[in-house]
């Protein structure tokens, strides 16, 4: 199950950048070079899914936490994309 999550997250990471094949290879290299960033993205995606499914609103913080987590994912993906551009 964990491998599937990793494969899906990594696949989404590359698909979301809609880069040509050469850039996709560079992005794979960046993801491999920065596994903690990839894990952070996966953990944030898991947290979002958990929060969305949770019946509690966590004292009114649920929506803000989901929004901030999505923003963090976007920034982490942008950081990998930036590194990929630097490597080209």
Protein backbone atom coordinates (compact mmCIF):
# COMPACT_ATOMS: atom_id res chain seq x y z
CA UNK A 1 0.00 0.00 0.00
CA UNK A 2 2.84 2.38 0.89
CA UNK A 3 4.56 1.70 -2.45
CA UNK A 4 1.34 2.51 -4.26
CA UNK A 5 1.07 5.81 -2.37
CA UNK A 6 4.68 6.64 -3.23
CA UNK A 7 4.17 5.75 -6.87
CA UNK A 8 0.97 7.79 -7.10
CA UNK A 9 2.47 10.81 -5.35
CA UNK A 10 5.58 10.70 -7.47
CA UNK A 11 3.47 10.26 -10.59
CA UNK A 12 1.25 13.17 -9.63
CA UNK A 13 4.31 15.25 -8.89
CA UNK A 14 5.61 14.73 -12.42
CA UNK A 15 2.22 14.93 -14.11
CA UNK A 16 1.36 18.19 -12.38
CA UNK A 17 4.43 19.83 -13.87
CA UNK A 18 3.47 18.77 -17.43
CA UNK A 19 7.10 18.82 -18.48
CA UNK A 20 8.68 17.20 -21.50
CA UNK A 21 10.38 13.83 -21.12
CA UNK A 22 13.83 15.31 -20.46
CA UNK A 23 12.46 17.51 -17.69
CA UNK A 24 10.51 14.57 -16.25
CA UNK A 25 13.78 12.65 -15.96
CA UNK A 26 15.34 15.63 -14.17
CA UNK A 27 12.34 15.79 -11.83
CA UNK A 28 12.73 12.08 -11.04
CA UNK A 29 16.37 12.76 -10.24
CA UNK A 30 15.37 15.64 -7.95
CA UNK A 31 12.76 13.51 -6.21
CA UNK A 32 15.36 10.79 -5.71
CA UNK A 33 17.88 13.34 -4.43
CA UNK A 34 15.36 14.82 -1.99
CA UNK A 35 13.34 11.91 -0.59
CA UNK A 36 12.37 13.86 2.53
CA UNK A 37 10.57 16.45 0.38
CA UNK A 38 8.74 13.67 -1.46
CA UNK A 39 7.80 12.08 1.90
CA UNK A 40 6.62 15.46 3.18
CA UNK A 41 4.33 15.81 0.17
CA UNK A 42 2.97 12.31 0.78
CA UNK A 43 2.44 12.98 4.48
CA UNK A 44 0.64 16.24 3.76
CA UNK A 45 -1.58 14.51 1.20
CA UNK A 46 -2.39 11.83 3.81
CA UNK A 47 -3.16 14.52 6.40
CA UNK A 48 -5.48 16.32 3.97
CA UNK A 49 -7.37 13.09 3.25
CA UNK A 50 -7.64 12.38 6.97
CA UNK A 51 -8.91 15.87 7.75
CA UNK A 52 -11.41 15.81 4.89
CA UNK A 53 -12.83 12.51 6.13
CA UNK A 54 -12.87 13.52 9.79
CA UNK A 55 -16.27 14.42 11.24
CA UNK A 56 -14.75 16.95 13.67
CA UNK A 57 -13.83 20.47 12.55
CA UNK A 58 -10.95 20.62 15.04
CA UNK A 59 -12.15 23.75 16.77
CA UNK A 60 -12.68 25.56 13.49
CA UNK A 61 -9.15 24.90 12.24
CA UNK A 62 -9.92 22.10 9.79
CA UNK A 63 -10.48 24.22 6.68
CA UNK A 64 -7.44 26.41 7.37
CA UNK A 65 -5.27 23.33 7.97
CA UNK A 66 -6.38 21.80 4.68
CA UNK A 67 -5.74 25.04 2.82
CA UNK A 68 -2.31 25.52 4.40
CA UNK A 69 -1.38 21.91 3.67
CA UNK A 70 -2.32 22.31 0.01
CA UNK A 71 -0.24 25.50 -0.15
CA UNK A 72 2.70 23.67 1.44
CA UNK A 73 2.43 20.87 -1.14
CA UNK A 74 2.46 23.43 -3.95
CA UNK A 75 5.57 25.09 -2.49
CA UNK A 76 7.36 21.76 -2.04
CA UNK A 77 6.59 20.77 -5.64
CA UNK A 78 7.77 24.20 -6.80
CA UNK A 79 11.02 23.72 -4.89
CA UNK A 80 11.67 20.44 -6.69
CA UNK A 81 10.77 22.04 -10.01
CA UNK A 82 13.18 24.90 -9.31
CA UNK A 83 16.00 22.47 -8.57
CA UNK A 84 15.18 20.56 -11.76
CA UNK A 85 15.45 23.79 -13.76
CA UNK A 86 18.81 24.55 -12.14
CA UNK A 87 20.10 21.12 -13.14
CA UNK A 88 19.20 21.57 -16.80
